[in-house]
Protein backbone atom coordinates (compact mmCIF):
# COMPACT_ATOMS: atom_id res chain seq x y z
CA UNK A 1 21.94 -28.29 -23.64
CA UNK A 2 24.29 -27.99 -20.66
CA UNK A 3 22.62 -24.92 -19.15
CA UNK A 4 24.94 -23.31 -16.58
CA UNK A 5 21.99 -21.54 -14.91
CA UNK A 6 20.12 -24.74 -14.10
CA UNK A 7 22.60 -27.64 -14.21
CA UNK A 8 25.49 -28.43 -11.82
CA UNK A 9 28.37 -28.03 -14.29
CA UNK A 10 30.99 -26.10 -12.31
CA UNK A 11 33.17 -27.94 -9.82
CA UNK A 12 33.47 -26.12 -6.50
CA UNK A 13 35.29 -26.99 -3.28
CA UNK A 14 34.02 -25.94 0.15
CA UNK A 15 34.74 -27.22 3.65
CA UNK A 16 32.24 -30.00 2.95
CA UNK A 17 34.13 -31.26 -0.11
CA UNK A 18 33.99 -30.84 -3.87
CA UNK A 19 30.75 -30.91 -5.81
CA UNK A 20 29.35 -29.58 -9.11
CA UNK A 21 27.01 -26.57 -8.92
CA UNK A 22 25.18 -24.19 -11.24
CA UNK A 23 26.29 -20.60 -11.85
CA UNK A 24 23.64 -19.10 -9.52
CA UNK A 25 24.78 -21.45 -6.77
CA UNK A 26 28.38 -20.38 -7.40
CA UNK A 27 27.31 -16.81 -6.63
CA UNK A 28 25.34 -17.82 -3.54
CA UNK A 29 28.26 -19.76 -2.04
CA UNK A 30 30.73 -17.01 -2.99
CA UNK A 31 28.61 -14.42 -1.20
CA UNK A 32 28.71 -16.64 1.89
CA UNK A 33 32.51 -16.76 1.42
CA UNK A 34 32.53 -20.55 1.63
CA UNK A 35 34.32 -21.30 -1.65
CA UNK A 36 37.81 -22.68 -1.12
CA UNK A 37 38.65 -23.43 -4.75
CA UNK A 38 37.43 -24.17 -8.25
CA UNK A 39 39.43 -27.35 -8.94
CA UNK A 40 39.40 -27.12 -12.75
CA UNK A 41 40.43 -23.45 -12.79
CA UNK A 42 44.04 -23.01 -13.88
CA UNK A 43 46.23 -20.16 -12.60
CA UNK A 44 46.23 -18.14 -15.83
CA UNK A 45 42.39 -18.31 -15.94
CA UNK A 46 41.87 -16.81 -12.47
CA UNK A 47 41.44 -13.21 -13.54
CA UNK A 48 39.24 -14.04 -16.52
CA UNK A 49 36.89 -16.01 -14.26
CA UNK A 50 37.00 -13.45 -11.43
CA UNK A 51 36.45 -10.46 -13.72
CA UNK A 52 33.60 -12.12 -15.61
CA UNK A 53 31.83 -13.06 -12.37
CA UNK A 54 32.18 -9.50 -11.07
CA UNK A 55 31.18 -7.77 -14.31
CA UNK A 56 28.18 -10.04 -14.84
CA UNK A 57 26.94 -9.55 -11.30
CA UNK A 58 27.44 -5.78 -11.33
CA UNK A 59 25.61 -5.35 -14.65
CA UNK A 60 22.74 -7.63 -13.57
CA UNK A 61 22.33 -5.88 -10.22
CA UNK A 62 22.58 -2.40 -11.74
CA UNK A 63 19.94 -3.22 -14.33
CA UNK A 64 17.58 -4.55 -11.65
CA UNK A 65 18.31 -1.72 -9.20
CA UNK A 66 19.63 -4.12 -6.57
CA UNK A 67 22.16 -2.53 -4.23
CA UNK A 68 23.35 -5.51 -2.19
CA UNK A 69 24.52 -8.86 -3.63
CA UNK A 70 21.81 -11.42 -2.76
CA UNK A 71 22.57 -14.54 -0.76
CA UNK A 72 20.02 -16.77 -2.49
CA UNK A 73 20.75 -18.69 -5.71
CA UNK A 74 17.17 -18.24 -6.94
CA UNK A 75 17.59 -14.46 -6.77
CA UNK A 76 20.87 -14.74 -8.63
CA UNK A 77 19.25 -16.79 -11.38
CA UNK A 78 16.58 -14.12 -11.78
CA UNK A 79 19.10 -11.30 -11.91
CA UNK A 80 21.23 -13.05 -14.53
CA UNK A 81 18.22 -13.98 -16.67
CA UNK A 82 17.24 -10.32 -16.59
CA UNK A 83 20.19 -9.61 -18.89
CA UNK A 84 18.95 -12.12 -21.47
CA UNK A 85 15.19 -11.73 -21.21
CA UNK A 86 14.70 -12.09 -24.99
CA UNK A 87 15.95 -15.67 -24.82
CA UNK A 88 13.25 -17.57 -22.91
CA UNK A 89 14.98 -20.95 -23.34
CA UNK A 90 18.24 -19.72 -21.77
CA UNK A 91 20.21 -20.13 -25.00
CA UNK A 92 22.88 -17.59 -23.90
CA UNK A 93 23.62 -19.80 -20.87
CA UNK A 94 23.77 -23.14 -22.67
CA UNK A 95 27.15 -24.50 -23.72
CA UNK A 96 25.76 -26.24 -26.80
CA UNK A 97 23.06 -24.69 -29.01
CA UNK A 98 22.78 -26.50 -32.35
CA UNK A 99 21.06 -23.57 -34.09
CA UNK A 100 24.01 -21.33 -35.03
CA UNK A 101 21.70 -18.33 -35.47
CA UNK A 102 21.11 -18.34 -31.70
CA UNK A 103 23.70 -17.45 -29.06
CA UNK A 104 25.30 -19.98 -26.74
CA UNK A 105 27.39 -19.23 -23.67
CA UNK A 106 30.30 -16.97 -24.76
CA UNK A 107 29.54 -18.00 -28.38
CA UNK A 108 28.09 -15.35 -30.69
CA UNK A 109 25.46 -16.40 -33.23
CA UNK A 110 25.73 -16.14 -37.00
CA UNK A 111 23.23 -14.22 -39.10
CA UNK A 112 22.20 -17.23 -41.13
CA UNK A 113 22.44 -21.03 -40.86
CA UNK A 114 24.60 -21.35 -43.96
CA UNK A 115 27.45 -19.64 -42.08
CA UNK A 116 28.02 -22.92 -40.26
CA UNK A 117 30.07 -24.06 -43.25
CA UNK A 118 32.71 -21.46 -42.33
CA UNK A 119 33.44 -23.18 -39.01
CA UNK A 120 35.92 -25.67 -40.46
CA UNK A 121 38.56 -25.80 -37.72
CA UNK A 122 37.79 -28.48 -35.13
CA UNK A 123 39.18 -28.26 -31.59
CA UNK A 124 39.15 -31.48 -29.59
CA UNK A 125 40.13 -30.29 -26.09
CA UNK A 126 39.43 -27.32 -23.88
CA UNK A 127 43.08 -26.44 -23.39
CA UNK A 128 43.57 -26.28 -27.16
CA UNK A 129 40.75 -23.74 -27.33
CA UNK A 130 42.14 -21.70 -24.45
CA UNK A 131 44.29 -18.64 -25.03
CA UNK A 132 47.82 -19.02 -26.42
CA UNK A 133 49.33 -20.00 -23.08
CA UNK A 134 48.23 -23.64 -23.28
CA UNK A 135 48.95 -24.20 -26.96
CA UNK A 136 52.62 -23.39 -26.25
CA UNK A 137 52.80 -25.74 -23.24
CA UNK A 138 53.40 -22.84 -20.87
CA UNK A 139 52.61 -23.65 -17.22
CA UNK A 140 50.81 -26.87 -18.21
CA UNK A 141 51.06 -29.50 -20.90
CA UNK A 142 48.71 -29.46 -23.87
CA UNK A 143 47.73 -33.07 -23.20
CA UNK A 144 46.19 -32.15 -19.85
CA UNK A 145 42.89 -31.40 -21.57
CA UNK A 146 42.54 -34.83 -23.22
CA UNK A 147 39.74 -35.66 -20.75
CA UNK A 148 38.23 -32.18 -20.58
CA UNK A 149 35.39 -31.74 -18.14
CA UNK A 150 32.49 -29.40 -18.78
CA UNK A 151 33.93 -26.72 -16.51
CA UNK A 152 37.25 -26.96 -18.39
CA UNK A 153 35.34 -25.78 -21.46
CA UNK A 154 33.61 -23.03 -19.48
CA UNK A 155 36.91 -21.61 -18.24
CA UNK A 156 38.57 -22.00 -21.65
CA UNK A 157 35.76 -20.08 -23.35
CA UNK A 158 35.93 -17.25 -20.83
CA UNK A 159 39.73 -17.10 -21.00
CA UNK A 160 39.76 -17.07 -24.80
CA UNK A 161 36.98 -14.53 -25.28
CA UNK A 162 37.99 -12.05 -22.58
CA UNK A 163 41.82 -12.31 -22.45
CA UNK A 164 43.15 -13.33 -25.86
CA UNK A 165 45.38 -11.14 -28.05
CA UNK A 166 46.20 -11.10 -31.74
CA UNK A 167 46.79 -14.60 -33.09
CA UNK A 168 47.61 -13.91 -36.71
CA UNK A 169 45.47 -12.94 -39.70
CA UNK A 170 41.79 -13.43 -38.97
CA UNK A 171 42.33 -13.94 -35.22
CA UNK A 172 41.91 -10.61 -33.47
CA UNK A 173 42.21 -9.96 -29.76
CA UNK A 174 40.17 -8.24 -27.10
CA UNK A 175 39.57 -4.50 -26.82
CA UNK A 176 40.85 -4.25 -23.24
CA UNK A 177 44.55 -4.22 -24.08
CA UNK A 178 46.92 -1.84 -25.85
CA UNK A 179 47.58 -3.76 -29.05
CA UNK A 180 47.37 -7.40 -30.04
CA UNK A 181 50.58 -8.28 -28.18
CA UNK A 182 49.49 -6.49 -25.02
CA UNK A 183 48.04 -7.95 -21.85
CA UNK A 184 45.06 -7.41 -19.61
CA UNK A 185 46.66 -7.11 -16.18
CA UNK A 186 44.66 -7.07 -12.98
CA UNK A 187 45.39 -5.00 -9.89
CA UNK A 188 42.93 -4.86 -7.03
CA UNK A 189 42.67 -4.64 -3.30
CA UNK A 190 41.05 -7.69 -1.75
CA UNK A 191 40.05 -8.86 1.71
CA UNK A 192 42.40 -11.50 3.01
CA UNK A 193 40.78 -14.92 2.85
CA UNK A 194 38.83 -16.98 0.38
CA UNK A 195 37.85 -16.00 -3.14
CA UNK A 196 34.27 -15.09 -2.23
CA UNK A 197 35.25 -12.05 -0.18
CA UNK A 198 37.26 -10.72 -3.15
CA UNK A 199 34.39 -11.24 -5.61
CA UNK A 200 31.86 -9.63 -3.26
CA UNK A 201 34.15 -6.68 -2.57
CA UNK A 202 34.73 -5.98 -6.27
CA UNK A 203 31.01 -6.25 -7.10
CA UNK A 204 30.18 -3.67 -4.44
CA UNK A 205 33.02 -1.41 -5.56
CA UNK A 206 31.82 -1.48 -9.19
CA UNK A 207 28.28 -0.68 -8.14
CA UNK A 208 29.43 2.18 -5.91
CA UNK A 209 31.21 3.75 -8.90
CA UNK A 210 28.84 2.68 -11.67
CA UNK A 211 28.77 5.31 -14.43
CA UNK A 212 25.54 7.27 -14.72
CA UNK A 213 25.44 6.52 -18.44
CA UNK A 214 24.93 2.79 -18.11
CA UNK A 215 23.37 1.96 -21.48
CA UNK A 216 24.77 -0.08 -24.35
CA UNK A 217 25.46 -3.73 -25.10
CA UNK A 218 26.40 -5.73 -22.03
CA UNK A 219 26.96 -9.33 -23.18
CA UNK A 220 28.47 -9.26 -26.64
CA UNK A 221 27.84 -12.94 -27.34
CA UNK A 222 24.14 -12.09 -27.67
CA UNK A 223 24.82 -10.16 -30.89
CA UNK A 224 24.98 -11.79 -34.32
CA UNK A 225 28.47 -11.67 -35.78
CA UNK A 226 29.79 -12.94 -39.09
CA UNK A 227 33.23 -11.41 -38.66
CA UNK A 228 32.90 -8.56 -41.16
CA UNK A 229 34.35 -5.07 -40.81
CA UNK A 230 30.90 -3.49 -41.05
CA UNK A 231 29.85 -5.28 -37.86
CA UNK A 232 32.52 -3.71 -35.68
CA UNK A 233 31.06 -2.21 -32.53
CA UNK A 234 31.97 1.32 -31.49
CA UNK A 235 32.97 2.05 -27.89
CA UNK A 236 29.93 4.27 -27.39
CA UNK A 237 27.69 1.29 -28.16
CA UNK A 238 28.96 -0.65 -25.16
CA UNK A 239 27.87 -0.74 -21.54
CA UNK A 240 30.50 0.36 -18.99
CA UNK A 241 31.41 -3.17 -17.86
CA UNK A 242 30.58 -5.14 -21.01
CA UNK A 243 31.78 -8.73 -21.32
CA UNK A 244 33.24 -9.20 -24.76
CA UNK A 245 33.93 -12.02 -27.18
CA UNK A 246 36.80 -11.77 -29.64
CA UNK A 247 36.53 -15.06 -31.58
CA UNK A 248 33.86 -16.89 -33.56
CA UNK A 249 33.60 -20.29 -31.95
CA UNK A 250 30.85 -22.85 -31.19
CA UNK A 251 30.77 -25.90 -28.97
CA UNK A 252 29.37 -29.18 -30.25
CA UNK A 253 28.68 -32.60 -28.75
CA UNK A 254 29.44 -35.89 -30.51
CA UNK A 255 27.40 -39.10 -30.40
CA UNK A 256 29.05 -40.10 -27.12
CA UNK A 257 28.25 -36.76 -25.51
CA UNK A 258 31.85 -35.57 -25.64
CA UNK A 259 32.31 -31.85 -26.20
CA UNK A 260 34.46 -30.35 -28.93
CA UNK A 261 34.60 -26.94 -30.60
CA UNK A 262 34.52 -25.57 -34.12
CA UNK A 263 35.84 -22.15 -35.00
CA UNK A 264 36.55 -19.79 -37.85
CA UNK A 265 38.34 -16.53 -38.56
CA UNK A 266 37.12 -12.95 -38.89
CA UNK A 267 37.90 -10.10 -41.24
CA UNK A 268 37.99 -7.53 -38.43
CA UNK A 269 38.03 -7.24 -34.65
CA UNK A 270 34.67 -7.31 -32.90
CA UNK A 271 35.21 -3.85 -31.40
CA UNK A 272 36.68 -0.91 -33.29
CA UNK A 273 39.88 -0.40 -31.34
CA UNK A 274 42.26 1.49 -33.63
CA UNK A 275 41.85 4.73 -31.69
CA UNK A 276 40.76 3.03 -28.48
CA UNK A 277 44.14 1.33 -27.82
CA UNK A 278 42.76 -0.43 -24.80
CA UNK A 279 41.35 2.67 -23.09
CA UNK A 280 38.11 1.00 -22.06
CA UNK A 281 38.02 1.98 -18.40
CA UNK A 282 38.79 -1.56 -17.30
CA UNK A 283 38.49 -1.30 -13.49
CA UNK A 284 41.44 -3.65 -12.90
CA UNK A 285 44.02 -2.15 -15.29
CA UNK A 286 46.38 0.77 -14.43
CA UNK A 287 46.64 3.55 -17.00
CA UNK A 288 49.53 5.86 -17.82
CA UNK A 289 48.61 9.48 -16.98
CA UNK A 290 51.53 10.76 -19.09
CA UNK A 291 50.57 8.87 -22.26
CA UNK A 292 46.93 9.81 -22.80
CA UNK A 293 45.74 7.15 -20.40
CA UNK A 294 47.10 4.15 -22.28
CA UNK A 295 46.65 0.90 -20.32
CA UNK A 296 49.50 -1.02 -18.80
CA UNK A 297 51.11 -3.88 -20.70
CA UNK A 298 53.14 -6.18 -18.47
CA UNK A 299 56.55 -7.18 -19.81
CA UNK A 300 58.55 -10.34 -19.16
CA UNK A 301 59.63 -10.57 -15.54
CA UNK A 302 56.21 -9.74 -14.17
CA UNK A 303 55.78 -8.21 -10.73
CA UNK A 304 59.19 -7.68 -9.15
CA UNK A 305 59.39 -5.02 -6.47
CA UNK A 306 60.72 -2.32 -8.81
CA UNK A 307 57.94 -2.77 -11.32
CA UNK A 308 55.19 -3.00 -8.74
CA UNK A 309 56.44 0.25 -7.23
CA UNK A 310 56.26 1.87 -10.65
CA UNK A 311 52.77 0.54 -11.36
CA UNK A 312 51.42 1.59 -7.97
CA UNK A 313 52.88 5.06 -7.75
CA UNK A 314 53.61 6.27 -11.30
CA UNK A 315 50.49 4.92 -13.00
CA UNK A 316 46.85 5.87 -12.53
CA UNK A 317 45.29 3.38 -10.14
CA UNK A 318 42.28 1.51 -11.56
CA UNK A 319 39.04 1.75 -9.63
CA UNK A 320 39.38 -1.62 -7.95
CA UNK A 321 42.89 -0.91 -6.68
CA UNK A 322 41.58 2.03 -4.68
CA UNK A 323 40.43 1.47 -1.13
CA UNK A 324 36.68 1.95 -0.79
CA UNK A 325 35.39 4.47 1.75
CA UNK A 326 34.27 1.59 4.01
CA UNK A 327 37.71 -0.01 3.84
CA UNK A 328 39.39 3.25 4.79
CA UNK A 329 37.01 3.91 7.69
CA UNK A 330 36.86 0.42 9.14
CA UNK A 331 38.51 -0.10 12.53
CA UNK A 332 37.90 -3.85 12.62
CA UNK A 333 41.28 -5.40 13.61
CA UNK A 334 40.26 -8.70 12.01
CA UNK A 335 39.59 -7.10 8.64
CA UNK A 336 42.86 -7.35 6.72
CA UNK A 337 43.51 -6.49 3.09
CA UNK A 338 45.94 -7.54 0.41
CA UNK A 339 46.97 -6.27 -2.99
CA UNK A 340 46.48 -8.86 -5.75
CA UNK A 341 48.28 -8.47 -9.10
CA UNK A 342 47.89 -10.90 -12.01
CA UNK A 343 48.91 -10.88 -15.65
CA UNK A 344 49.75 -13.04 -18.63
CA UNK A 345 52.69 -11.70 -20.63
CA UNK A 346 52.31 -12.13 -24.38
CA UNK A 347 55.20 -12.02 -26.86
CA UNK A 348 55.45 -12.32 -30.63
CA UNK A 349 53.71 -15.61 -31.37
CA UNK A 350 54.27 -16.95 -27.86
CA UNK A 351 53.56 -16.40 -24.20
CA UNK A 352 56.28 -15.26 -21.85
CA UNK A 353 54.85 -16.28 -18.54
CA UNK A 354 51.92 -15.98 -16.17
CA UNK A 355 52.66 -13.83 -13.13
CA UNK A 356 50.80 -13.34 -9.88
CA UNK A 357 51.77 -11.49 -6.72
CA UNK A 358 49.92 -10.99 -3.44
CA UNK A 359 51.10 -8.25 -1.07
CA UNK A 360 49.61 -8.24 2.46
CA UNK A 361 48.61 -4.77 3.66
CA UNK A 362 49.69 -4.23 7.27
CA UNK A 363 47.47 -1.32 8.35
CA UNK A 364 44.89 1.26 7.32
CA UNK A 365 47.67 3.81 7.00
CA UNK A 366 49.54 1.53 4.62
CA UNK A 367 46.31 0.89 2.71
CA UNK A 368 45.83 4.61 2.17
CA UNK A 369 49.50 4.96 1.22
CA UNK A 370 49.24 2.20 -1.37
CA UNK A 371 46.37 3.95 -3.12
CA UNK A 372 47.58 7.55 -3.25
CA UNK A 373 47.24 9.28 -6.57
CA UNK A 374 50.50 9.56 -8.59
CA UNK A 375 52.46 12.81 -8.53
CA UNK A 376 52.36 13.47 -4.79
CA UNK A 377 55.21 15.64 -3.49
CA UNK A 378 54.58 14.75 0.14
CA UNK A 379 57.44 13.31 2.17
CA UNK A 380 54.78 11.15 3.78
CA UNK A 381 54.11 9.50 0.43
CA UNK A 382 54.70 5.75 0.44
CA UNK A 383 55.83 5.91 -3.17
CA UNK A 384 58.63 8.32 -2.30
CA UNK A 385 59.88 5.97 0.41
CA UNK A 386 59.77 3.05 -2.00
CA UNK A 387 61.79 4.97 -4.60
CA UNK A 388 64.39 5.92 -1.99
CA UNK A 389 64.78 2.28 -1.01
CA UNK A 390 65.08 1.19 -4.65
CA UNK A 391 67.77 3.81 -5.21
CA UNK A 392 69.73 2.59 -2.18
CA UNK A 393 69.50 -1.04 -3.28
CA UNK A 394 70.74 0.05 -6.69
CA UNK A 395 73.77 1.72 -5.10
CA UNK A 396 74.68 -1.45 -3.20
CA UNK A 397 74.04 -3.56 -6.28
CA UNK A 398 76.30 -1.39 -8.44
CA UNK A 399 79.13 -1.59 -5.91
CA UNK A 400 78.69 -5.36 -5.63
CA UNK A 401 78.84 -5.73 -9.42
CA UNK A 402 82.03 -3.64 -9.57
CA UNK A 403 83.65 -5.68 -6.77
CA UNK A 404 82.90 -9.01 -8.46
CA UNK A 405 84.17 -7.73 -11.82
CA UNK A 406 87.32 -6.54 -10.03
CA UNK A 407 87.91 -10.04 -8.69
CA UNK A 408 87.53 -11.45 -12.21
CA UNK A 409 90.06 -8.82 -13.40
CA UNK A 410 92.56 -10.24 -10.88
CA UNK A 411 92.07 -7.29 -8.56
CA UNK A 412 92.43 -4.50 -11.13
CA UNK A 413 89.32 -2.41 -10.52
CA UNK A 414 89.99 -0.05 -13.44
CA UNK A 415 90.63 -2.79 -15.96
CA UNK A 416 87.38 -4.73 -15.88
CA UNK A 417 86.16 -5.83 -19.30
CA UNK A 418 82.59 -5.99 -20.63
CA UNK A 419 82.79 -9.78 -20.40
CA UNK A 420 83.80 -9.64 -16.74
CA UNK A 421 81.03 -7.20 -15.94
CA UNK A 422 78.56 -9.49 -17.74
CA UNK A 423 79.74 -12.44 -15.62
CA UNK A 424 79.18 -10.33 -12.50
CA UNK A 425 75.58 -9.48 -13.44
CA UNK A 426 73.90 -12.75 -12.34
CA UNK A 427 75.53 -12.44 -8.92
CA UNK A 428 74.46 -8.82 -8.56
CA UNK A 429 70.93 -9.73 -9.67
CA UNK A 430 70.68 -12.18 -6.79
CA UNK A 431 70.49 -9.18 -4.48
CA UNK A 432 67.30 -8.12 -6.24
CA UNK A 433 65.79 -11.54 -5.65
CA UNK A 434 66.61 -11.39 -1.94
CA UNK A 435 65.31 -7.84 -1.50
CA UNK A 436 62.15 -8.67 -3.44
CA UNK A 437 61.00 -11.26 -0.91
CA UNK A 438 60.11 -8.78 1.86
CA UNK A 439 60.43 -5.39 0.17
CA UNK A 440 56.83 -4.28 0.63
CA UNK A 441 56.48 -5.60 4.15
CA UNK A 442 59.65 -3.77 5.23
CA UNK A 443 58.51 -0.64 3.38
CA UNK A 444 55.23 -0.60 5.29
CA UNK A 445 57.02 -1.01 8.62
CA UNK A 446 58.94 2.21 7.95
CA UNK A 447 55.84 4.01 6.65
CA UNK A 448 53.82 3.19 9.75
CA UNK A 449 56.23 5.19 11.94
CA UNK A 450 55.44 8.90 12.17
CA UNK A 451 58.67 9.99 13.84
CA UNK A 452 61.41 10.86 11.33
CA UNK A 453 64.22 9.56 13.56
CA UNK A 454 62.41 6.28 14.06
CA UNK A 455 61.89 5.94 10.32
CA UNK A 456 65.59 6.53 9.77
CA UNK A 457 66.45 3.86 12.32
CA UNK A 458 64.13 1.33 10.66
CA UNK A 459 65.51 2.13 7.20
CA UNK A 460 69.14 1.87 8.30
CA UNK A 461 68.50 -1.44 10.03
CA UNK A 462 66.90 -2.76 6.84
CA UNK A 463 70.00 -1.69 4.93
CA UNK A 464 72.54 -3.12 7.39
CA UNK A 465 72.10 -4.92 10.69
CA UNK A 466 74.85 -7.55 10.66
CA UNK A 467 72.45 -10.36 9.73
CA UNK A 468 69.98 -9.86 6.91
CA UNK A 469 70.29 -6.25 5.78
CA UNK A 470 70.81 -5.35 2.13
CA UNK A 471 74.51 -4.67 2.65
CA UNK A 472 74.88 -7.88 4.68
CA UNK A 473 73.37 -9.92 1.87
CA UNK A 474 75.63 -8.17 -0.66
CA UNK A 475 78.69 -9.13 1.40
CA UNK A 476 77.54 -12.75 1.49
CA UNK A 477 77.01 -12.77 -2.28
CA UNK A 478 80.49 -11.31 -2.79
CA UNK A 479 81.96 -14.07 -0.60
CA UNK A 480 80.17 -16.75 -2.59
CA UNK A 481 81.21 -15.19 -5.88
CA UNK A 482 84.93 -15.04 -5.08
CA UNK A 483 84.78 -18.62 -3.81
CA UNK A 484 83.10 -19.84 -6.99
CA UNK A 485 84.40 -17.78 -9.89
CA UNK A 486 87.61 -18.67 -11.74
CA UNK A 487 90.86 -16.85 -11.00
CA UNK A 488 94.45 -18.11 -11.33
CA UNK A 489 95.72 -19.30 -7.94
CA UNK A 490 98.68 -16.94 -8.06
CA UNK A 491 96.32 -13.95 -8.30
CA UNK A 492 93.42 -15.19 -6.14
CA UNK A 493 94.50 -13.78 -2.76
CA UNK A 494 95.20 -10.31 -4.17
CA UNK A 495 92.03 -10.37 -6.28
CA UNK A 496 89.91 -11.24 -3.24
CA UNK A 497 91.51 -8.60 -1.05
CA UNK A 498 91.08 -5.89 -3.66
CA UNK A 499 87.48 -6.89 -4.44
CA UNK A 500 86.48 -6.88 -0.78
CA UNK A 501 88.41 -3.68 -0.14
CA UNK A 502 86.74 -1.98 -3.06
CA UNK A 503 83.30 -3.02 -1.80
CA UNK A 504 83.93 -1.82 1.76
CA UNK A 505 85.55 1.40 0.59
CA UNK A 506 82.89 2.38 -1.92
CA UNK A 507 79.98 1.52 0.39
CA UNK A 508 81.40 3.87 3.04
CA UNK A 509 82.27 6.94 1.04
CA UNK A 510 80.29 9.47 -0.97
CA UNK A 511 78.38 7.68 -3.69
CA UNK A 512 77.76 4.75 -1.36
CA UNK A 513 75.83 4.67 1.91
CA UNK A 514 78.20 6.53 4.30
CA UNK A 515 75.41 7.36 6.78
CA UNK A 516 75.40 3.70 7.84
CA UNK A 517 78.93 3.90 9.28
CA UNK A 518 80.69 5.70 12.10
CA UNK A 519 83.37 7.60 10.21
CA UNK A 520 85.81 7.38 13.14
CA UNK A 521 85.92 3.59 13.00
CA UNK A 522 87.27 2.86 9.55
CA UNK A 523 89.87 3.91 7.08
CA UNK A 524 88.60 4.46 3.57
CA UNK A 525 90.04 1.93 1.16
CA UNK A 526 91.28 3.55 -1.98
């Protein structure tokens, strides 16, 4: 019932409008790069859907020995069925299978029919089934799913089973994260354009790097699972790009044909992960080379420029963040790339935000620079340039913070209190927000120049140009701060003069950015 291989159950928008299609047709239209959107897909579900499409296609093609993603939906249906050949009625691709001893889509079977009695918790809407994000009203309201469509349930199942973390006793998370409160972040290079080009690119990249030892379980919802510790799967029992399930759940249909779910708990995680700690070789997740390859967990705040710099240049790039040989060799001026980063941040019993960032890549040189291995000592390394820029922004930010605290201290720069410095922090942090907007574009402009003098000119102009340089923005923030913050009228003039003098003096002398100024044209303010 509700077979995603044969029935049009997934809403898809193309230039011709929105219509429901089957999963094989989704692949066919994606390969033609004609998909503009999946209307029911919510932002936090994007990576779960993308990764599952890519993993499924790569495993199906690898098994069949097919090197190039087909364009025809009939071929796609055959490839996908090849992964579930033991199930001639397509049970693994049906949303509702009444016999609990048989698999349903993303729903593992039980070993015996009497286990159905354990599924006592009823879930009325797709968003309630989805990972923790929706149950806490983050990014969307829980009532949105009151009229759940079939594709809402499809996306909720995929999101739950491939992205969820620890949800309390009996509710274990996925294997592809470092701990139950971790995350499964996604970093990849992608062609600029519609979603199909990204899916096709990642499929090809996985196939190009497919491990030679490709055996093991691929689709874990095919395996019977009653939630016991003895059923835990070992990492060496899994295929390289396995699609997992972490919860025991089944979809049902009432007398009116409306879908709902029933679920139960488990006594252990599906995959033995105590020693694994998320080190599954996930092709989208960076790993820490200095901590035994532990995968990245995104913290609150997401993908600001400082963190992205760290993840790109201090962490081990995942396979899909590396430029493919074809991407590095291509001289097609119309072929542009972008870096896509996505993650859901999970806290203790709550979510702390969904984050997504897209960084356009300006050139092949920048593309190569973005995907250098960590630890390079080369002065040509893009990571080194990024760190230098971050350090310089930090210098300006520290001086700005001191100047604002000095104003609050009525002009006494050496008598600022912790409270005054705390009041200055939000103003200083505004500089980060401004710099963040074009940090990577400006960084690439400098990197694309080969001449050292020209690089220095570009950097200095970014720092200060009289309009929108880092120092210029800091001066504007200081002006706004002294206009807005409280200070007794009798002290305001002196406080402003001293704050501005401190800023201009510190920025010019050692410990600031003296190379930006002609030393014959100013007198250092003490």
